[in-house]
Amino acid sequence: MSDHIDISGVRLHLSQPDDSPSEWIGQREVLQQLLACWLVVDEKDLPLAPRLIGTPGIGKTSLGIAAGRTRKQDLYIYQCTADTRPEDLLVTPVLAEDGKIKYHASSLVTAMLRGGICLLDEGNRMNEKSWASLAPLLDHRRYVESIVAGIKIPANRDFRCAVTMNDDESTFEIPDYILSRLQPTLTLGHPKRDDELAILQYHLPFAELEMLNLTVDFLQQSHQLNLDFSTRDGINVLRYAMKRIAQDASHPVGKDKVWQEALINCLGAEAVDLNEAAKRRQGSLGGNTMPMGLGDFFFDSDDPLHPDFDDENDDEEESEDDW
């Protein structure tokens, strides 16, 4: 495979594909949905560029990698950030040792040219100016224009892409003309218990079953309470706990105590009591508490001047006085 390609007299030096292993466990439906987006059913048909939505650590990137492996195509991952510039996304000029300018194609452009798959990771962290440079790529035109290199770069017919986005507040609001190009939206939910256990065993085959079950039980309870702890959090807790057990092998301690230490050090003290954490979260979001009226800001509830003051006691006192 050549490490460069010439376009309109400009040599582009290409990036390397991602070779990290990934196996998708559970939620087969969303994997099939992603693969369907990348199908082409007619010569005039075009692949879709879907959004993969979910909480941080739920497996959006792993899903994209697994789909790429299923299609047996080279996969490239571009990490979007708040300060990503259009030239970062496309072609970057670099001063070579001989004093000449070399043009390096990004992972996105490399995927376009080689007919691979590009996963734009954390797409809702990127500003509108950078997204605007991708508008012609994401519709029927399927090309980008590099102002830096002064060339138009067409996408190979086999090129596919998807965008991952965290289900939280974006650094930048993505404009509607871009969102209309990033369709459909595929939402990832938390895995079921058996699937989550299998995921932990896949990443940490050396972990003891007791520690695995402690972690899965914690994660499943947090999912039921709509807390933000993810499978990735569980992997980190379990990995740290196993290191602590190995470190203190000569002085064994209770594994549940080690696991709780790992939980606190990785996720904070609030993770120890999930029910209490859920109550605090509900309170911070408003919960079922009724909003205060204006009177609550100025008077105590038992103040006679409060609009909702119950004067029943006053009536009783007046009745006694009448006697």
Protein backbone atom coordinates (compact mmCIF):
# COMPACT_ATOMS: atom_id res chain seq x y z
CA MET A 1 0.00 0.00 0.00
CA SER A 2 1.50 3.33 -1.11
CA ASP A 3 2.10 5.96 1.55
CA HIS A 4 1.29 8.82 -0.82
CA ILE A 5 -0.93 9.81 -3.74
CA ASP A 6 -0.75 12.63 -6.29
CA ILE A 7 -3.78 14.82 -6.98
CA SER A 8 -3.62 17.67 -9.51
CA GLY A 9 0.14 17.79 -9.19
CA VAL A 10 0.11 17.86 -5.38
CA ARG A 11 1.55 14.91 -3.47
CA LEU A 12 -0.42 13.95 -0.37
CA HIS A 13 1.27 11.80 2.27
CA LEU A 14 -1.30 9.44 3.73
CA SER A 15 -2.13 8.43 7.30
CA GLN A 16 -2.12 4.93 8.76
CA PRO A 17 -5.34 3.04 9.59
CA ASP A 18 -6.35 2.13 13.11
CA ASP A 19 -5.48 -1.47 13.95
CA SER A 20 -6.94 -1.77 17.45
CA PRO A 21 -8.99 -4.95 17.98
CA SER A 22 -12.66 -4.64 18.84
CA GLU A 23 -15.46 -7.14 19.31
CA TRP A 24 -19.05 -5.96 19.57
CA ILE A 25 -20.91 -7.79 22.31
CA GLY A 26 -24.70 -7.61 22.59
CA GLN A 27 -27.03 -5.03 21.02
CA ARG A 28 -26.79 -6.70 17.62
CA GLU A 29 -29.63 -4.60 16.29
CA VAL A 30 -27.69 -1.32 16.40
CA LEU A 31 -24.73 -2.99 14.66
CA GLN A 32 -27.03 -4.16 11.88
CA GLN A 33 -28.50 -0.67 11.64
CA LEU A 34 -25.04 0.85 11.18
CA LEU A 35 -24.10 -1.71 8.55
CA ALA A 36 -27.38 -0.99 6.73
CA CYS A 37 -26.48 2.71 6.59
CA TRP A 38 -23.32 1.83 4.66
CA LEU A 39 -25.03 -0.39 2.09
CA VAL A 40 -25.47 0.77 -1.50
CA VAL A 41 -28.47 -0.84 -3.19
CA ASP A 42 -28.20 0.73 -6.65
CA GLU A 43 -25.64 2.47 -8.86
CA LYS A 44 -27.35 5.77 -8.14
CA ASP A 45 -27.58 5.08 -4.42
CA LEU A 46 -25.20 6.62 -1.87
CA PRO A 47 -24.19 5.46 1.61
CA LEU A 48 -25.45 7.32 4.66
CA ALA A 49 -23.35 9.03 7.33
CA PRO A 50 -25.15 8.24 10.60
CA ARG A 51 -24.78 9.75 14.05
CA LEU A 52 -24.00 7.33 16.87
CA ILE A 53 -25.47 8.82 20.04
CA GLY A 54 -24.99 7.73 23.64
CA THR A 55 -23.48 8.57 26.99
CA PRO A 56 -19.66 8.69 27.31
CA GLY A 57 -18.10 5.26 27.67
CA ILE A 58 -21.07 3.31 26.34
CA GLY A 59 -19.21 1.90 23.31
CA LYS A 60 -19.91 4.19 20.34
CA THR A 61 -16.34 4.06 19.07
CA SER A 62 -16.17 0.30 19.63
CA LEU A 63 -19.35 -0.07 17.58
CA GLY A 64 -17.81 1.84 14.67
CA ILE A 65 -14.61 -0.18 14.83
CA ALA A 66 -16.52 -3.46 14.95
CA ALA A 67 -18.64 -2.43 11.95
CA GLY A 68 -15.50 -1.58 10.00
CA ARG A 69 -14.00 -4.97 10.83
CA THR A 70 -17.23 -6.65 9.73
CA ARG A 71 -16.96 -4.94 6.34
CA LYS A 72 -13.25 -5.82 6.16
CA GLN A 73 -12.29 -2.25 5.33
CA ASP A 74 -9.45 -0.15 6.69
CA LEU A 75 -10.73 2.02 9.51
CA TYR A 76 -9.51 5.52 10.33
CA ILE A 77 -10.46 7.48 13.44
CA TYR A 78 -10.36 11.25 13.62
CA GLN A 79 -10.66 12.75 17.10
CA CYS A 80 -12.68 15.97 16.91
CA THR A 81 -11.95 18.74 19.41
CA ALA A 82 -13.15 22.26 20.10
CA ASP A 83 -10.10 23.74 18.34
CA THR A 84 -10.16 21.49 15.25
CA ARG A 85 -9.55 23.60 12.12
CA PRO A 86 -10.61 22.79 8.55
CA GLU A 87 -6.97 22.21 7.56
CA ASP A 88 -6.65 19.74 10.46
CA LEU A 89 -9.59 17.81 9.08
CA LEU A 90 -8.28 17.77 5.52
CA VAL A 91 -4.68 18.56 4.57
CA THR A 92 -1.93 19.96 6.80
CA PRO A 93 1.25 21.56 5.38
CA VAL A 94 4.47 20.50 7.10
CA LEU A 95 7.97 21.88 6.58
CA ALA A 96 10.21 18.99 5.51
CA GLU A 97 13.94 18.61 6.24
CA ASP A 98 14.85 19.88 2.77
CA GLY A 99 12.96 23.10 3.41
CA LYS A 100 10.06 22.20 1.13
CA ILE A 101 6.41 21.94 2.06
CA LYS A 102 4.97 18.45 2.46
CA TYR A 103 1.22 17.97 2.53
CA HIS A 104 -0.13 15.40 4.97
CA ALA A 105 -3.61 14.02 4.42
CA SER A 106 -5.69 13.58 7.57
CA SER A 107 -7.14 10.23 8.55
CA LEU A 108 -10.44 11.41 7.03
CA VAL A 109 -8.93 12.30 3.64
CA THR A 110 -6.85 9.12 3.66
CA ALA A 111 -10.02 7.07 4.16
CA MET A 112 -11.64 8.98 1.30
CA LEU A 113 -8.77 8.26 -1.07
CA ARG A 114 -8.22 4.62 -0.09
CA GLY A 115 -11.89 3.73 0.08
CA GLY A 116 -11.83 3.08 3.81
CA ILE A 117 -14.08 3.97 6.72
CA CYS A 118 -13.64 7.10 8.81
CA LEU A 119 -15.11 7.49 12.27
CA LEU A 120 -15.37 11.14 13.32
CA ASP A 121 -15.16 10.76 17.08
CA GLU A 122 -16.81 13.26 19.44
CA GLY A 123 -18.28 15.19 16.52
CA ASN A 124 -20.30 17.50 18.76
CA ARG A 125 -17.05 19.00 20.05
CA MET A 126 -16.25 20.56 16.67
CA ASN A 127 -17.04 24.11 15.55
CA GLU A 128 -19.23 25.11 12.61
CA LYS A 129 -16.35 26.32 10.43
CA SER A 130 -14.82 22.87 10.45
CA TRP A 131 -18.16 21.19 9.83
CA ALA A 132 -18.78 23.53 6.88
CA SER A 133 -15.66 22.19 5.16
CA LEU A 134 -17.29 18.72 5.19
CA ALA A 135 -20.68 19.76 3.80
CA PRO A 136 -19.93 18.71 0.18
CA LEU A 137 -18.53 15.39 1.38
CA LEU A 138 -21.68 14.52 3.29
CA ASP A 139 -24.11 15.04 0.40
CA HIS A 140 -24.25 13.82 -3.21
CA ARG A 141 -21.07 15.71 -4.20
CA ARG A 142 -18.77 13.53 -2.04
CA TYR A 143 -15.65 15.68 -2.18
CA VAL A 144 -13.74 18.18 -0.07
CA GLU A 145 -11.68 21.18 -1.10
CA SER A 146 -8.35 21.89 0.57
CA ILE A 147 -7.64 25.61 0.53
CA VAL A 148 -4.16 24.96 1.89
CA ALA A 149 -3.17 22.56 -0.91
CA GLY A 150 -5.40 24.20 -3.53
CA ILE A 151 -6.99 20.95 -4.68
CA LYS A 152 -10.37 19.23 -4.79
CA ILE A 153 -10.32 15.72 -3.32
CA PRO A 154 -13.01 13.26 -4.44
CA ALA A 155 -14.10 10.36 -2.25
CA ASN A 156 -13.63 6.79 -3.43
CA ARG A 157 -16.96 5.04 -4.03
CA ASP A 158 -16.15 2.61 -1.20
CA PHE A 159 -15.62 5.40 1.33
CA ARG A 160 -17.91 5.28 4.39
CA CYS A 161 -18.16 7.40 7.51
CA ALA A 162 -20.04 7.82 10.77
CA VAL A 163 -19.96 10.37 13.57
CA THR A 164 -20.05 9.63 17.30
CA MET A 165 -21.63 12.18 19.62
CA ASN A 166 -22.02 12.12 23.38
CA ASP A 167 -25.54 12.48 24.67
CA ASP A 168 -24.77 15.66 26.57
CA GLU A 169 -24.31 19.37 26.01
CA SER A 170 -22.11 20.15 23.04
CA THR A 171 -19.22 22.55 23.05
CA PHE A 172 -20.72 23.94 19.86
CA GLU A 173 -24.21 23.64 18.46
CA ILE A 174 -24.09 21.77 15.18
CA PRO A 175 -26.00 23.68 12.48
CA ASP A 176 -29.11 22.17 10.95
CA TYR A 177 -27.63 21.98 7.45
CA ILE A 178 -25.00 19.59 8.84
CA LEU A 179 -27.40 17.61 11.01
CA SER A 180 -29.61 17.04 7.96
CA ARG A 181 -26.60 15.35 6.32
CA LEU A 182 -25.79 13.18 9.35
CA GLN A 183 -28.70 10.78 9.17
CA PRO A 184 -30.04 8.57 10.62
CA THR A 185 -29.46 8.83 14.35
CA LEU A 186 -28.56 5.51 15.98
CA THR A 187 -28.85 5.51 19.78
CA LEU A 188 -26.90 3.17 22.00
CA GLY A 189 -28.38 2.06 25.31
CA HIS A 190 -26.73 0.41 28.28
CA PRO A 191 -26.10 -3.33 27.85
CA LYS A 192 -28.02 -6.02 29.69
CA ARG A 193 -26.38 -7.79 32.60
CA ASP A 194 -25.13 -10.85 30.69
CA ASP A 195 -23.79 -8.67 27.89
CA GLU A 196 -22.09 -6.28 30.31
CA LEU A 197 -20.46 -9.21 32.10
CA ALA A 198 -19.24 -10.56 28.76
CA ILE A 199 -17.82 -7.14 27.84
CA LEU A 200 -15.87 -6.95 31.10
CA GLN A 201 -14.59 -10.50 30.62
CA TYR A 202 -13.52 -9.65 27.07
CA HIS A 203 -11.45 -6.66 28.19
CA LEU A 204 -10.27 -8.19 31.49
CA PRO A 205 -10.04 -11.97 31.02
CA PHE A 206 -7.76 -12.15 34.09
CA ALA A 207 -10.37 -10.68 36.47
CA GLU A 208 -11.83 -12.93 39.15
CA LEU A 209 -15.51 -13.82 38.90
CA GLU A 210 -16.26 -12.34 42.33
CA MET A 211 -14.85 -8.98 41.29
CA LEU A 212 -16.62 -9.16 37.94
CA ASN A 213 -19.98 -9.71 39.61
CA LEU A 214 -19.43 -6.85 42.07
CA THR A 215 -18.72 -4.54 39.14
CA VAL A 216 -21.62 -5.70 36.98
CA ASP A 217 -24.09 -5.44 39.86
CA PHE A 218 -22.92 -1.88 40.49
CA LEU A 219 -23.23 -0.93 36.83
CA GLN A 220 -26.66 -2.48 36.40
CA GLN A 221 -27.99 -0.64 39.45
CA SER A 222 -26.56 2.64 38.19
CA HIS A 223 -28.19 2.10 34.78
CA GLN A 224 -31.56 1.48 36.44
CA LEU A 225 -31.18 4.73 38.39
CA ASN A 226 -30.22 6.66 35.23
CA LEU A 227 -26.82 7.59 36.61
CA ASP A 228 -23.89 8.38 34.34
CA PHE A 229 -21.59 5.48 35.27
CA SER A 230 -20.68 3.54 32.13
CA THR A 231 -19.20 0.21 31.15
CA ARG A 232 -15.89 2.02 30.63
CA ASP A 233 -16.08 3.20 34.24
CA GLY A 234 -16.61 -0.39 35.33
CA ILE A 235 -13.56 -1.53 33.34
CA ASN A 236 -11.40 1.11 35.03
CA VAL A 237 -12.68 0.23 38.51
CA LEU A 238 -12.10 -3.47 37.93
CA ARG A 239 -8.66 -2.97 36.37
CA TYR A 240 -7.51 -0.87 39.35
CA ALA A 241 -8.96 -3.34 41.87
CA MET A 242 -7.12 -6.25 40.26
CA LYS A 243 -3.86 -4.30 40.35
CA ARG A 244 -4.34 -3.61 44.06
CA ILE A 245 -5.01 -7.30 44.74
CA ALA A 246 -1.87 -8.28 42.82
CA GLN A 247 0.14 -5.64 44.66
CA ASP A 248 -0.93 -6.88 48.10
CA ALA A 249 -0.82 -10.58 47.31
CA SER A 250 1.45 -11.21 50.29
CA HIS A 251 -1.00 -9.44 52.62
CA PRO A 252 -4.44 -10.46 51.37
CA VAL A 253 -7.38 -8.28 52.32
CA GLY A 254 -11.09 -8.56 51.72
CA LYS A 255 -11.77 -8.32 48.00
CA ASP A 256 -14.97 -6.38 48.58
CA LYS A 257 -12.93 -3.82 50.53
CA VAL A 258 -10.39 -3.54 47.70
CA TRP A 259 -13.19 -3.19 45.17
CA GLN A 260 -14.84 -0.39 47.19
CA GLU A 261 -11.50 1.41 47.44
CA ALA A 262 -11.16 1.17 43.66
CA LEU A 263 -14.72 2.43 43.24
CA ILE A 264 -14.07 5.52 45.37
CA ASN A 265 -10.70 6.28 43.80
CA CYS A 266 -12.03 5.94 40.25
CA LEU A 267 -15.56 7.34 40.49
CA GLY A 268 -15.68 9.32 43.72
CA ALA A 269 -17.32 8.81 47.09
CA GLU A 270 -20.80 9.42 45.68
CA ALA A 271 -20.59 6.12 43.80
CA VAL A 272 -20.72 4.17 47.10
CA ASP A 273 -24.40 4.95 47.67
CA LEU A 274 -26.15 4.93 44.30
CA ASN A 275 -29.59 5.58 45.72
CA GLU A 276 -28.37 8.71 47.45
CA ALA A 277 -26.52 9.78 44.29
CA ALA A 278 -29.74 9.35 42.31
CA LYS A 279 -31.65 11.50 44.82
CA ARG A 280 -29.05 14.26 44.60
CA ARG A 281 -29.11 14.09 40.83
CA GLN A 282 -32.90 14.28 40.77
CA GLY A 283 -32.76 17.24 43.11
CA SER A 284 -30.24 19.04 40.92
CA LEU A 285 -32.48 18.48 37.91
CA GLY A 286 -35.60 19.65 39.72
CA GLY A 287 -37.04 16.18 40.48
CA ASN A 288 -40.67 16.21 41.51
CA THR A 289 -40.31 19.29 43.67
CA MET A 290 -42.80 22.02 42.93
CA PRO A 291 -41.23 25.39 42.08
CA MET A 292 -41.39 28.07 44.77
CA GLY A 293 -43.85 30.88 44.41
CA LEU A 294 -42.84 34.50 44.78
CA GLY A 295 -44.10 34.53 48.35
CA ASP A 296 -41.51 31.92 49.33
CA PHE A 297 -38.71 34.30 48.45
CA PHE A 298 -39.92 37.00 50.86
CA PHE A 299 -41.79 35.24 53.72
CA ASP A 300 -41.54 32.05 55.74
CA SER A 301 -44.38 29.60 55.23
CA ASP A 302 -45.77 30.33 58.72
CA ASP A 303 -45.56 34.10 58.28
CA PRO A 304 -49.06 35.70 58.30
CA LEU A 305 -47.94 37.82 55.33
CA HIS A 306 -47.23 34.72 53.22
CA PRO A 307 -49.92 34.42 50.49
CA ASP A 308 -50.54 30.75 51.41
CA PHE A 309 -50.57 31.28 55.16
CA ASP A 310 -53.20 29.10 56.82
CA ASP A 311 -55.14 31.36 59.21
CA GLU A 312 -57.20 28.48 60.65
CA ASN A 313 -55.46 28.87 64.03
CA ASP A 314 -56.30 32.57 64.06
CA ASP A 315 -59.99 31.76 63.54
CA GLU A 316 -59.91 29.35 66.47
CA GLU A 317 -58.31 31.98 68.70
CA GLU A 318 -60.91 34.54 67.67
CA SER A 319 -63.69 32.05 68.48
CA GLU A 320 -62.25 31.45 71.94
CA ASP A 321 -62.07 35.21 72.53
CA ASP A 322 -65.73 35.52 71.58
CA TRP A 323 -66.61 33.14 74.40
